[in-house]
Amino acid sequence: MKTTASLVVPLAAGLALTAAAVAPASAAGAPRTHQRSAVAAEVVLGNEDKNRTVVVRSGDVIQVELKGSRSAGGVWAWDYPTSSDFQVLRHIGRGMDGNGNASGTFRAQDRGTAEINSTQECYPAPDWFCPAVIIPWKVTVVVQ
């Protein structure tokens, strides 16, 4: 049988070591400040976010991924998502595929409010008819 040796540190000593390792050097009486991370956040929006309002910070990235649908009669396809105010939300990328999916990427620029809009409509297969319906999609983005 093989034996192993282990090092046992009493709980109180382990906690003291941990507290010393994470305590700031200037903790005595100095006010603590919370700085926001310099890394931009990414917000991903989809079909289910229709009519939603989101709040982001300047520099954050908003990715819109709208899913279309195919059937024997045609494709329900999305248009490219667009920004209502390019000063607030700058468009930095877009995509579309044959399944009706569309995407758009936006960077939050200046403080303010803008909408991201798209519409979905049916494109019929040969010898099929689609209803004359256009489905709107909108999200309001508040940049702080």
Protein backbone atom coordinates (compact mmCIF):
# COMPACT_ATOMS: atom_id res chain seq x y z
CA MET A 1 0.00 0.00 0.00
CA LYS A 2 1.28 3.43 -0.90
CA THR A 3 1.19 6.16 1.72
CA THR A 4 0.90 9.87 1.10
CA ALA A 5 1.80 12.72 3.34
CA SER A 6 -0.35 15.81 3.50
CA LEU A 7 0.16 19.17 5.03
CA VAL A 8 -2.58 20.23 7.40
CA VAL A 9 -2.99 23.94 8.11
CA PRO A 10 -5.35 24.85 10.95
CA LEU A 11 -8.46 26.72 9.72
CA ALA A 12 -7.73 29.91 11.65
CA ALA A 13 -4.19 30.09 10.28
CA GLY A 14 -5.44 29.48 6.72
CA LEU A 15 -8.01 32.27 7.03
CA ALA A 16 -5.41 34.66 8.39
CA LEU A 17 -3.10 33.91 5.45
CA THR A 18 -5.96 34.45 2.99
CA ALA A 19 -7.02 37.74 4.58
CA ALA A 20 -3.46 39.04 4.56
CA ALA A 21 -3.07 38.14 0.90
CA VAL A 22 -6.15 40.08 -0.24
CA ALA A 23 -6.13 43.08 2.11
CA PRO A 24 -5.01 46.31 0.43
CA ALA A 25 -1.84 47.90 1.73
CA SER A 26 -3.52 51.25 2.37
CA ALA A 27 -6.69 49.91 3.99
CA ALA A 28 -6.25 51.98 7.13
CA GLY A 29 -8.87 54.72 6.86
CA ALA A 30 -8.68 55.22 3.09
CA PRO A 31 -12.03 55.31 1.26
CA ARG A 32 -12.58 52.53 -1.22
CA THR A 33 -13.46 53.39 -4.76
CA HIS A 34 -15.01 51.06 -7.28
CA GLN A 35 -13.62 51.55 -10.74
CA ARG A 36 -15.49 50.26 -13.75
CA SER A 37 -13.71 47.72 -15.82
CA ALA A 38 -11.93 49.11 -18.88
CA VAL A 39 -13.17 46.11 -20.87
CA ALA A 40 -16.26 46.79 -22.98
CA ALA A 41 -19.30 44.63 -22.29
CA GLU A 42 -21.12 42.77 -25.04
CA VAL A 43 -24.91 42.60 -25.08
CA VAL A 44 -26.51 39.97 -27.32
CA LEU A 45 -30.10 40.57 -28.48
CA GLY A 46 -32.41 38.23 -30.39
CA ASN A 47 -35.99 37.74 -31.57
CA GLU A 48 -37.26 37.45 -27.99
CA ASP A 49 -35.94 40.92 -27.10
CA LYS A 50 -38.52 42.72 -29.28
CA ASN A 51 -39.71 45.98 -27.65
CA ARG A 52 -37.13 45.70 -24.88
CA THR A 53 -35.07 48.61 -23.48
CA VAL A 54 -31.42 47.99 -22.59
CA VAL A 55 -28.96 50.27 -20.82
CA VAL A 56 -25.28 50.14 -21.82
CA ARG A 57 -22.12 52.16 -21.30
CA SER A 58 -20.19 54.05 -23.93
CA GLY A 59 -17.83 51.60 -25.62
CA ASP A 60 -20.05 48.54 -25.10
CA VAL A 61 -20.89 46.34 -28.09
CA ILE A 62 -24.45 45.32 -28.96
CA GLN A 63 -24.79 42.20 -31.10
CA VAL A 64 -28.22 41.59 -32.71
CA GLU A 65 -28.90 38.04 -33.94
CA LEU A 66 -32.34 37.65 -35.52
CA LYS A 67 -33.42 34.15 -36.56
CA GLY A 68 -35.61 33.70 -39.62
CA SER A 69 -37.49 30.57 -40.57
CA ARG A 70 -37.86 28.40 -43.66
CA SER A 71 -40.87 26.42 -44.76
CA ALA A 72 -42.01 24.67 -47.94
CA GLY A 73 -43.70 27.91 -48.97
CA GLY A 74 -40.80 30.28 -48.53
CA VAL A 75 -38.52 32.05 -46.10
CA TRP A 76 -39.46 34.52 -43.36
CA ALA A 77 -36.36 36.69 -43.54
CA TRP A 78 -35.09 39.64 -41.51
CA ASP A 79 -33.63 42.84 -42.95
CA TYR A 80 -30.29 44.08 -41.64
CA PRO A 81 -30.73 45.67 -38.19
CA THR A 82 -30.15 49.44 -38.33
CA SER A 83 -29.52 52.21 -35.81
CA SER A 84 -31.82 55.21 -35.58
CA ASP A 85 -28.93 57.45 -34.45
CA PHE A 86 -25.38 56.80 -35.63
CA GLN A 87 -23.95 59.27 -33.10
CA VAL A 88 -25.30 57.11 -30.26
CA LEU A 89 -24.99 53.62 -31.82
CA ARG A 90 -22.41 53.17 -34.56
CA HIS A 91 -22.97 50.25 -36.93
CA ILE A 92 -19.76 48.18 -37.12
CA GLY A 93 -20.85 44.93 -38.80
CA ARG A 94 -23.69 42.99 -40.34
CA GLY A 95 -24.56 39.66 -41.88
CA MET A 96 -27.37 37.75 -43.53
CA ASP A 97 -27.87 34.18 -44.73
CA GLY A 98 -30.28 32.18 -46.89
CA ASN A 99 -32.24 30.89 -43.87
CA GLY A 100 -33.67 34.33 -43.15
CA ASN A 101 -31.23 35.14 -40.35
CA ALA A 102 -29.76 38.63 -40.07
CA SER A 103 -27.27 40.12 -37.68
CA GLY A 104 -25.89 43.52 -36.83
CA THR A 105 -23.13 44.71 -34.54
CA PHE A 106 -23.16 48.17 -32.96
CA ARG A 107 -20.80 50.10 -30.69
CA ALA A 108 -22.28 52.45 -28.11
CA GLN A 109 -20.71 55.85 -28.77
CA ASP A 110 -22.13 58.99 -27.19
CA ARG A 111 -24.64 59.26 -24.37
CA GLY A 112 -28.21 59.22 -25.57
CA THR A 113 -31.00 56.97 -26.74
CA ALA A 114 -31.29 55.17 -30.06
CA GLU A 115 -33.38 52.37 -31.50
CA ILE A 116 -32.21 49.30 -33.34
CA ASN A 117 -34.83 48.34 -35.93
CA SER A 118 -35.42 45.50 -38.36
CA THR A 119 -38.37 44.01 -40.21
CA GLN A 120 -39.25 40.47 -41.18
CA GLU A 121 -41.23 39.47 -44.24
CA CYS A 122 -41.97 36.38 -46.28
CA TYR A 123 -40.18 35.62 -49.54
CA PRO A 124 -42.16 32.91 -51.35
CA ALA A 125 -40.82 29.77 -52.96
CA PRO A 126 -41.74 29.27 -56.64
CA ASP A 127 -45.51 28.80 -57.12
CA TRP A 128 -46.26 29.88 -53.54
CA PHE A 129 -47.77 33.05 -52.12
CA CYS A 130 -46.88 34.84 -48.92
CA PRO A 131 -49.16 37.03 -46.85
CA ALA A 132 -48.58 40.77 -47.31
CA VAL A 133 -47.31 41.12 -43.73
CA ILE A 134 -44.25 42.94 -42.43
CA ILE A 135 -43.27 42.19 -38.85
CA PRO A 136 -41.36 44.99 -37.07
CA TRP A 137 -38.65 44.41 -34.45
CA LYS A 138 -37.29 47.19 -32.25
CA VAL A 139 -35.05 47.54 -29.22
CA THR A 140 -34.40 50.85 -27.46
CA VAL A 141 -30.81 51.34 -26.30
CA VAL A 142 -29.89 53.92 -23.67
CA VAL A 143 -26.17 54.77 -23.60
CA GLN A 144 -24.93 56.20 -20.31
